[in-house]
């Protein structure tokens, strides 16, 4: 497998509105000529967007500095760091109120919200909020761990010497009279047969997954049950083909190669719709040529693509996208293996619909019961959920330290202890 796409013809990036390209970036970094063209097209909007993004992100960063950190209420800390103006407005309203006018929001910011959250930034149907619009523009300096970011958390667990019980399904959390929590768990997926599940008691429980998808029954005595919110159902398609993207699909002149990464926005005259219909005329959110690969059967060079869409790409769509002949019905796609040698489809509830709001989910569902996915309705990323994990860990540690201090003040030791069955599930 050969990495890198610099030798593949075509611009680095294009924003397609279903009719033509609203914006094309030839190279990975903006050249002086492309910067000049951007200023001619959008004026000072890109510069103002950078300043607004920095201001917004700086406010978010204050959540993790004293005196805000650690915070027990997400709603309160959002208010304290002055982020309500961003979370309560749509993306279009937020940028407009901060001096970003013209087509930059439509051409660039909305393309970013669609590829990152499969949601439009337009105000007319109150879609994605202003904070998320800025988060989508904050990709500078992004880093990844070679061979997978999962290694960060794997190493954290190893350093903590925690007992890890992978592939152990927790079916219920019950509050005990002594203040502990009883977790029923086991390999069974029949949640009605809880009696067959093993039970373990814990002093502190952290629910680190969206409750509505966790299949975990919370005791009705628990003070707060997380609200159910709407999530985007995203279809991700990976495929390999010896063909580059078809210029004709994007209404380009014959012989001119299509961009290697294509984001989408709506045509200027199209009203944004709700849910999957919000994809609009383009029919997909993004198509990316990830890298060239070698077909292990033929030894020939092919290309690995990733497609984000609200519905599975049909054989007709893929045929037109790659400029193929009509489907041969030889494989699952309806296209011959010579044209598409491999395909993988994944559908999942990828992230919430991040609509404007001024209140957020509770971090503490009850005493010693915490919920890191409270963050999802505020900002939904792996990084911000990890930061919420840090916040919850600090809340727990501070609570234990305070209890130890009270015990020391009384001349004894009142150190909290995890029960012998403590662990991570």
Protein backbone atom coordinates (compact mmCIF):
# COMPACT_ATOMS: atom_id res chain seq x y z
CA UNK A 1 0.00 0.00 0.00
CA UNK A 2 1.53 3.32 -1.10
CA UNK A 3 0.69 6.44 0.89
CA UNK A 4 0.36 9.98 -0.45
CA UNK A 5 -1.76 11.57 -3.16
CA UNK A 6 0.55 14.33 -4.40
CA UNK A 7 1.26 12.50 -7.67
CA UNK A 8 -2.44 11.99 -8.42
CA UNK A 9 -3.87 14.59 -10.82
CA UNK A 10 -6.52 17.00 -9.60
CA UNK A 11 -6.89 19.85 -7.14
CA UNK A 12 -6.47 19.16 -3.44
CA UNK A 13 -9.99 20.26 -2.43
CA UNK A 14 -13.26 21.37 -4.00
CA UNK A 15 -16.63 22.47 -2.59
CA UNK A 16 -19.44 21.19 -4.84
CA UNK A 17 -23.01 22.52 -4.64
CA UNK A 18 -24.65 19.99 -6.92
CA UNK A 19 -24.24 22.23 -9.97
CA UNK A 20 -20.63 23.41 -9.92
CA UNK A 21 -17.74 24.24 -7.60
CA UNK A 22 -18.18 27.13 -5.19
CA UNK A 23 -14.50 26.89 -4.28
CA UNK A 24 -11.42 24.96 -5.43
CA UNK A 25 -8.08 24.78 -3.61
CA UNK A 26 -5.33 23.51 -5.88
CA UNK A 27 -2.69 22.58 -3.26
CA UNK A 28 -2.68 21.34 0.35
CA UNK A 29 -1.69 24.79 1.56
CA UNK A 30 -3.02 28.06 0.12
CA UNK A 31 -0.54 29.66 -2.27
CA UNK A 32 -0.24 33.44 -2.50
CA UNK A 33 -2.26 33.32 -5.69
CA UNK A 34 -5.04 31.29 -4.10
CA UNK A 35 -4.99 33.60 -1.07
CA UNK A 36 -5.36 36.56 -3.42
CA UNK A 37 -8.29 34.87 -5.18
CA UNK A 38 -9.89 34.14 -1.79
CA UNK A 39 -9.62 37.80 -0.78
CA UNK A 40 -11.10 38.82 -4.13
CA UNK A 41 -14.03 36.39 -3.72
CA UNK A 42 -14.78 36.79 0.00
CA UNK A 43 -13.04 39.99 1.06
CA UNK A 44 -11.96 39.98 4.71
CA UNK A 45 -14.36 37.16 5.67
CA UNK A 46 -11.62 34.46 5.97
CA UNK A 47 -9.56 36.73 8.25
CA UNK A 48 -12.60 37.60 10.36
CA UNK A 49 -13.52 33.91 10.56
CA UNK A 50 -10.04 33.07 11.88
CA UNK A 51 -10.36 35.77 14.54
CA UNK A 52 -13.86 34.63 15.54
CA UNK A 53 -12.76 31.00 15.69
CA UNK A 54 -9.84 31.90 17.96
CA UNK A 55 -12.06 33.96 20.28
CA UNK A 56 -14.62 31.16 20.50
CA UNK A 57 -12.05 28.42 21.11
CA UNK A 58 -10.27 30.57 23.72
CA UNK A 59 -13.54 30.80 25.64
CA UNK A 60 -13.93 27.05 25.48
CA UNK A 61 -10.37 26.58 26.76
CA UNK A 62 -11.25 28.63 29.86
CA UNK A 63 -13.57 25.81 30.93
CA UNK A 64 -10.45 23.82 31.80
CA UNK A 65 -8.68 26.59 33.72
CA UNK A 66 -9.28 27.71 37.28
CA UNK A 67 -11.61 28.90 38.67
CA UNK A 68 -14.01 27.11 36.27
CA UNK A 69 -12.26 23.73 36.35
CA UNK A 70 -13.49 21.32 37.51
CA UNK A 71 -17.11 22.19 36.78
CA UNK A 72 -20.13 20.35 38.17
CA UNK A 73 -22.63 21.96 35.77
CA UNK A 74 -22.12 22.18 32.02
CA UNK A 75 -24.87 24.76 31.68
CA UNK A 76 -23.28 26.96 34.35
CA UNK A 77 -19.75 26.79 32.97
CA UNK A 78 -20.94 27.59 29.44
CA UNK A 79 -22.58 30.69 30.89
CA UNK A 80 -19.49 31.60 32.95
CA UNK A 81 -17.12 31.53 29.95
CA UNK A 82 -19.54 33.53 27.74
CA UNK A 83 -20.29 30.82 25.20
CA UNK A 84 -24.08 31.15 25.26
CA UNK A 85 -24.01 33.61 22.37
CA UNK A 86 -22.41 30.86 20.27
CA UNK A 87 -24.54 27.92 21.45
CA UNK A 88 -27.86 29.79 21.29
CA UNK A 89 -27.46 30.99 17.69
CA UNK A 90 -27.37 29.09 14.43
CA UNK A 91 -24.08 29.01 12.60
CA UNK A 92 -25.37 31.50 10.05
CA UNK A 93 -26.64 33.87 12.75
CA UNK A 94 -23.42 33.66 14.75
CA UNK A 95 -21.10 34.49 11.87
CA UNK A 96 -23.41 37.23 10.60
CA UNK A 97 -23.62 38.86 14.03
CA UNK A 98 -19.81 38.86 14.12
CA UNK A 99 -19.33 40.59 10.79
CA UNK A 100 -18.95 37.63 8.42
CA UNK A 101 -21.19 38.44 5.51
CA UNK A 102 -21.30 37.37 1.90
CA UNK A 103 -20.86 33.85 0.54
CA UNK A 104 -17.98 32.66 2.76
CA UNK A 105 -20.36 31.05 5.27
CA UNK A 106 -22.19 29.21 2.49
CA UNK A 107 -19.09 28.23 0.49
CA UNK A 108 -16.68 27.25 3.26
CA UNK A 109 -18.21 27.12 6.75
CA UNK A 110 -21.29 25.18 5.66
CA UNK A 111 -19.09 22.74 3.71
CA UNK A 112 -17.16 22.16 6.95
CA UNK A 113 -20.30 21.59 9.05
CA UNK A 114 -21.62 19.12 6.48
CA UNK A 115 -18.45 17.01 6.36
CA UNK A 116 -17.93 17.12 10.15
CA UNK A 117 -21.52 16.83 11.40
CA UNK A 118 -23.68 16.14 8.31
CA UNK A 119 -25.64 19.29 9.15
CA UNK A 120 -26.17 22.62 7.46
CA UNK A 121 -25.22 25.94 9.02
CA UNK A 122 -28.18 27.83 7.53
CA UNK A 123 -30.47 29.66 9.98
CA UNK A 124 -33.79 29.10 8.29
CA UNK A 125 -34.47 25.74 9.95
CA UNK A 126 -32.27 26.35 13.01
CA UNK A 127 -29.67 23.72 12.15
CA UNK A 128 -26.16 23.48 13.61
CA UNK A 129 -25.28 26.07 16.27
CA UNK A 130 -22.58 28.75 16.14
CA UNK A 131 -20.17 26.98 18.47
CA UNK A 132 -20.08 23.86 16.30
CA UNK A 133 -19.63 26.00 13.19
CA UNK A 134 -16.42 27.33 14.75
CA UNK A 135 -15.35 23.86 15.96
CA UNK A 136 -15.63 22.66 12.36
CA UNK A 137 -13.21 25.39 11.32
CA UNK A 138 -10.69 24.50 14.05
CA UNK A 139 -8.72 21.77 12.33
CA UNK A 140 -5.29 23.45 12.38
CA UNK A 141 -2.60 21.48 14.18
CA UNK A 142 -4.63 18.27 14.38
CA UNK A 143 -2.49 15.29 15.34
CA UNK A 144 -2.88 11.52 15.47
CA UNK A 145 -0.98 8.66 17.05
CA UNK A 146 0.67 6.29 14.60
CA UNK A 147 -1.23 2.98 14.49
CA UNK A 148 -4.29 4.43 16.21
CA UNK A 149 -5.39 6.94 18.86
CA UNK A 150 -6.83 4.07 20.90
CA UNK A 151 -3.31 3.52 22.24
CA UNK A 152 -3.62 6.67 24.38
CA UNK A 153 -6.50 5.25 26.39
CA UNK A 154 -5.08 1.74 26.43
CA UNK A 155 -1.91 3.11 28.00
CA UNK A 156 -3.90 5.17 30.52
CA UNK A 157 -5.68 2.04 31.73
CA UNK A 158 -2.39 0.15 31.91
CA UNK A 159 -0.74 2.92 33.97
CA UNK A 160 -3.73 3.01 36.34
CA UNK A 161 -3.45 -0.74 37.06
CA UNK A 162 -7.23 -0.91 36.67
CA UNK A 163 -9.11 -4.15 36.25
CA UNK A 164 -10.48 -4.02 32.72
CA UNK A 165 -13.43 -6.15 31.66
CA UNK A 166 -13.76 -5.75 27.93
CA UNK A 167 -16.73 -7.31 26.12
CA UNK A 168 -18.72 -7.24 29.36
CA UNK A 169 -22.20 -5.85 28.81
CA UNK A 170 -23.65 -3.88 31.71
CA UNK A 171 -27.42 -4.31 31.74
CA UNK A 172 -28.51 -2.22 34.74
CA UNK A 173 -27.35 0.21 37.41
CA UNK A 174 -29.20 0.02 40.71
CA UNK A 175 -28.77 2.35 43.66
CA UNK A 176 -28.10 0.59 46.98
CA UNK A 177 -29.20 1.75 50.42
CA UNK A 178 -25.56 2.03 51.51
CA UNK A 179 -24.80 4.55 48.74
CA UNK A 180 -23.08 2.07 46.42
CA UNK A 181 -24.24 1.09 42.96
CA UNK A 182 -24.98 -2.47 41.89
CA UNK A 183 -24.07 -3.21 38.28
CA UNK A 184 -25.52 -6.27 36.64
CA UNK A 185 -23.37 -7.50 33.79
CA UNK A 186 -22.65 -10.50 31.64
CA UNK A 187 -22.46 -11.74 28.06
CA UNK A 188 -26.24 -12.07 27.69
CA UNK A 189 -28.05 -9.46 25.59
CA UNK A 190 -31.46 -10.36 27.01
CA UNK A 191 -31.98 -7.39 29.34
CA UNK A 192 -35.27 -8.83 30.62
CA UNK A 193 -33.44 -11.74 32.22
CA UNK A 194 -31.38 -9.72 34.70
CA UNK A 195 -31.40 -12.51 37.26
CA UNK A 196 -28.91 -14.46 35.16
CA UNK A 197 -26.43 -11.58 35.15
CA UNK A 198 -23.54 -11.31 37.56
CA UNK A 199 -23.68 -8.32 39.91
CA UNK A 200 -20.82 -6.14 41.22
CA UNK A 201 -20.96 -3.21 43.63
CA UNK A 202 -19.12 0.06 43.05
CA UNK A 203 -18.65 3.22 45.10
CA UNK A 204 -18.55 5.43 42.00
CA UNK A 205 -19.95 4.80 38.52
CA UNK A 206 -19.18 6.76 35.35
CA UNK A 207 -21.45 6.18 32.37
CA UNK A 208 -19.21 6.99 29.39
CA UNK A 209 -21.59 6.32 26.49
CA UNK A 210 -24.83 7.95 25.30
CA UNK A 211 -27.48 6.46 27.57
CA UNK A 212 -30.03 6.07 24.78
CA UNK A 213 -27.69 3.69 22.92
CA UNK A 214 -26.09 1.92 25.90
CA UNK A 215 -28.90 -0.60 26.60
CA UNK A 216 -28.38 0.07 30.31
CA UNK A 217 -31.39 0.33 32.59
CA UNK A 218 -30.95 3.02 35.24
CA UNK A 219 -32.74 2.58 38.55
CA UNK A 220 -35.83 4.82 38.61
CA UNK A 221 -34.68 6.11 42.02
CA UNK A 222 -31.69 7.80 40.35
CA UNK A 223 -32.19 11.55 40.53
CA UNK A 224 -31.72 12.38 36.85
CA UNK A 225 -32.13 10.21 33.75
CA UNK A 226 -30.42 11.63 30.63
CA UNK A 227 -32.77 13.08 28.03
CA UNK A 228 -33.06 11.41 24.66
CA UNK A 229 -31.76 13.57 21.82
CA UNK A 230 -31.75 13.12 18.05
CA UNK A 231 -28.63 11.73 16.41
CA UNK A 232 -27.52 11.87 12.79
CA UNK A 233 -27.62 8.51 11.02
CA UNK A 234 -24.56 8.59 8.78
CA UNK A 235 -23.63 6.13 6.05
CA UNK A 236 -19.88 5.69 5.56
CA UNK A 237 -18.73 3.84 2.46
CA UNK A 238 -15.15 2.75 1.78
CA UNK A 239 -14.30 1.34 -1.63
CA UNK A 240 -11.39 0.68 -3.96
CA UNK A 241 -11.41 1.23 -7.70
CA UNK A 242 -8.83 1.69 -10.49
CA UNK A 243 -10.75 4.78 -11.64
CA UNK A 244 -10.42 8.40 -10.57
CA UNK A 245 -13.50 10.51 -9.91
CA UNK A 246 -15.36 11.43 -13.08
CA UNK A 247 -15.16 15.11 -14.10
CA UNK A 248 -18.55 14.74 -15.81
CA UNK A 249 -20.22 13.94 -12.47
CA UNK A 250 -19.21 17.40 -11.25
CA UNK A 251 -20.07 19.16 -14.53
CA UNK A 252 -16.39 19.79 -15.28
CA UNK A 253 -14.86 20.03 -18.76
CA UNK A 254 -13.72 16.69 -20.23
CA UNK A 255 -10.10 15.94 -19.48
CA UNK A 256 -9.89 18.20 -16.43
CA UNK A 257 -9.33 15.98 -13.34
CA UNK A 258 -11.74 16.28 -10.43
CA UNK A 259 -10.48 17.40 -7.00
CA UNK A 260 -9.25 14.60 -4.74
CA UNK A 261 -11.35 15.69 -1.76
CA UNK A 262 -14.84 17.01 -2.43
CA UNK A 263 -16.95 18.67 0.23
CA UNK A 264 -20.45 19.90 -0.47
CA UNK A 265 -22.74 22.81 0.20
CA UNK A 266 -26.22 23.64 -1.09
CA UNK A 267 -26.97 25.59 -4.25
CA UNK A 268 -27.56 29.25 -3.31
CA UNK A 269 -31.27 29.02 -4.15
CA UNK A 270 -31.99 25.75 -2.28
CA UNK A 271 -33.79 25.84 1.06
CA UNK A 272 -32.14 23.54 3.65
CA UNK A 273 -34.30 20.62 4.76
CA UNK A 274 -34.45 18.60 7.97
CA UNK A 275 -32.73 15.27 8.60
CA UNK A 276 -31.38 13.21 5.71
CA UNK A 277 -33.10 15.53 3.20
CA UNK A 278 -30.66 18.25 4.31
CA UNK A 279 -28.05 16.72 1.98
CA UNK A 280 -29.83 18.53 -0.84
CA UNK A 281 -28.94 18.55 -4.53
CA UNK A 282 -25.35 17.24 -4.16
CA UNK A 283 -26.70 13.92 -2.80
CA UNK A 284 -23.71 13.31 -0.50
CA UNK A 285 -21.75 15.14 2.20
CA UNK A 286 -18.21 14.35 1.07
CA UNK A 287 -16.09 12.12 -1.13
CA UNK A 288 -12.37 11.71 -0.40
CA UNK A 289 -9.63 9.94 -2.29
CA UNK A 290 -7.64 8.70 0.71
CA UNK A 291 -4.61 7.17 -1.00
CA UNK A 292 -3.46 4.87 -3.81
CA UNK A 293 -3.42 1.16 -2.98
CA UNK A 294 -2.30 -2.05 -4.63
CA UNK A 295 -4.92 -4.64 -5.52
CA UNK A 296 -3.57 -7.88 -3.94
CA UNK A 297 -5.24 -10.01 -6.62
CA UNK A 298 -4.11 -8.17 -9.74
CA UNK A 299 -1.09 -6.25 -8.50
CA UNK A 300 -2.49 -3.15 -10.19
CA UNK A 301 -2.80 0.31 -8.66
CA UNK A 302 -6.19 1.38 -7.42
CA UNK A 303 -7.59 4.20 -5.27
CA UNK A 304 -9.18 4.04 -1.84
CA UNK A 305 -12.24 6.30 -1.45
CA UNK A 306 -14.39 7.33 1.52
CA UNK A 307 -17.93 8.62 1.07
CA UNK A 308 -20.17 10.25 3.70
CA UNK A 309 -23.86 10.25 2.79
CA UNK A 310 -27.33 10.14 4.45
CA UNK A 311 -28.28 6.96 2.54
CA UNK A 312 -26.22 4.10 1.05
CA UNK A 313 -24.69 5.08 -2.33
CA UNK A 314 -26.54 3.22 -5.07
CA UNK A 315 -24.95 1.47 -8.03
CA UNK A 316 -26.23 4.29 -10.25
CA UNK A 317 -24.56 6.92 -8.06
CA UNK A 318 -21.25 5.02 -7.96
CA UNK A 319 -21.37 4.40 -11.71
CA UNK A 320 -21.74 8.11 -12.41
CA UNK A 321 -19.24 9.12 -9.71
CA UNK A 322 -16.48 6.99 -11.26
CA UNK A 323 -17.56 7.41 -14.88
CA UNK A 324 -18.19 3.69 -15.33
CA UNK A 325 -20.25 1.82 -17.85
CA UNK A 326 -23.70 0.68 -16.82
CA UNK A 327 -23.87 -1.74 -13.82
CA UNK A 328 -23.11 -5.40 -14.57
CA UNK A 329 -24.77 -6.77 -11.41
CA UNK A 330 -21.72 -8.91 -10.61
CA UNK A 331 -21.36 -7.96 -6.98
CA UNK A 332 -23.05 -6.37 -3.98
CA UNK A 333 -22.79 -2.89 -5.48
CA UNK A 334 -24.29 -3.94 -8.79
CA UNK A 335 -20.93 -3.12 -10.38
CA UNK A 336 -18.30 -5.53 -11.65
CA UNK A 337 -15.30 -6.39 -9.48
CA UNK A 338 -13.02 -4.99 -12.17
CA UNK A 339 -14.56 -1.57 -11.60
CA UNK A 340 -14.98 -1.68 -7.81
CA UNK A 341 -12.78 -4.38 -6.33
CA UNK A 342 -13.77 -3.94 -2.66
CA UNK A 343 -16.46 -2.11 -0.74
CA UNK A 344 -17.30 -1.73 2.95
CA UNK A 345 -20.43 -0.03 4.30
CA UNK A 346 -21.02 1.26 7.82
CA UNK A 347 -24.13 3.00 9.14
CA UNK A 348 -24.11 4.51 12.62
CA UNK A 349 -25.56 7.23 14.82
CA UNK A 350 -22.48 9.37 14.45
CA UNK A 351 -23.26 12.56 16.38
CA UNK A 352 -26.27 14.51 17.67
CA UNK A 353 -28.09 17.20 15.77
CA UNK A 354 -26.30 20.11 17.42
CA UNK A 355 -29.16 22.60 17.38
CA UNK A 356 -29.00 25.96 19.19
CA UNK A 357 -29.64 25.61 22.93
CA UNK A 358 -28.93 27.37 26.24
CA UNK A 359 -29.14 24.45 28.69
CA UNK A 360 -27.21 21.20 28.67
CA UNK A 361 -27.30 17.69 30.13
CA UNK A 362 -26.37 17.03 33.75
CA UNK A 363 -22.84 15.77 34.41
CA UNK A 364 -23.84 14.21 37.75
CA UNK A 365 -26.92 12.02 37.50
CA UNK A 366 -26.88 11.32 41.24
CA UNK A 367 -24.36 11.24 44.07
CA UNK A 368 -21.30 9.31 42.83
CA UNK A 369 -22.95 8.65 39.45
CA UNK A 370 -21.42 10.65 36.56
CA UNK A 371 -22.18 10.98 32.86
CA UNK A 372 -19.44 12.02 30.42
CA UNK A 373 -21.79 11.93 27.42
CA UNK A 374 -23.43 15.05 28.82
CA UNK A 375 -20.87 16.68 26.54
CA UNK A 376 -22.51 15.30 23.38
CA UNK A 377 -25.28 17.90 23.24
CA UNK A 378 -22.70 20.67 23.65
CA UNK A 379 -19.78 19.55 21.45
CA UNK A 380 -19.59 16.04 20.04
CA UNK A 381 -15.99 15.00 19.39
CA UNK A 382 -13.72 12.31 20.80
CA UNK A 383 -11.38 14.99 22.10
CA UNK A 384 -14.04 16.97 23.98
CA UNK A 385 -15.53 13.80 25.47
CA UNK A 386 -12.03 12.90 26.70
CA UNK A 387 -11.84 16.35 28.30
CA UNK A 388 -15.17 15.70 30.00
CA UNK A 389 -13.65 12.46 31.30
CA UNK A 390 -10.81 14.51 32.77
CA UNK A 391 -13.34 16.85 34.37
CA UNK A 392 -15.30 13.98 35.92
CA UNK A 393 -12.09 12.34 37.18
CA UNK A 394 -11.14 15.61 38.87
CA UNK A 395 -14.60 15.96 40.45
CA UNK A 396 -14.28 12.45 41.88
CA UNK A 397 -10.72 13.02 43.12
CA UNK A 398 -11.63 16.34 44.76
CA UNK A 399 -14.56 14.72 46.49
CA UNK A 400 -12.33 11.96 47.88
CA UNK A 401 -9.69 14.43 49.02
CA UNK A 402 -12.32 16.50 50.82
CA UNK A 403 -13.58 13.38 52.57
CA UNK A 404 -10.05 12.44 53.65
CA UNK A 405 -9.48 15.99 54.94
CA UNK A 406 -12.65 15.82 57.04
CA UNK A 407 -11.50 12.53 58.50
CA UNK A 408 -8.06 13.96 59.32
CA UNK A 409 -9.67 17.00 60.96
CA UNK A 410 -11.54 14.67 63.31
CA UNK A 411 -8.28 12.97 64.27
CA UNK A 412 -9.00 9.80 62.33
CA UNK A 413 -8.79 8.60 58.77
CA UNK A 414 -11.83 8.58 56.56
CA UNK A 415 -10.27 7.54 53.30
CA UNK A 416 -12.81 6.44 50.70
CA UNK A 417 -12.17 2.99 49.31
CA UNK A 418 -13.27 1.39 46.10
CA UNK A 419 -14.86 -1.95 46.72
CA UNK A 420 -12.81 -5.05 45.83
CA UNK A 421 -14.70 -5.41 42.56
CA UNK A 422 -13.63 -2.06 41.19
CA UNK A 423 -12.74 -1.99 37.53
CA UNK A 424 -13.41 -0.58 34.11
CA UNK A 425 -16.12 -2.05 31.88
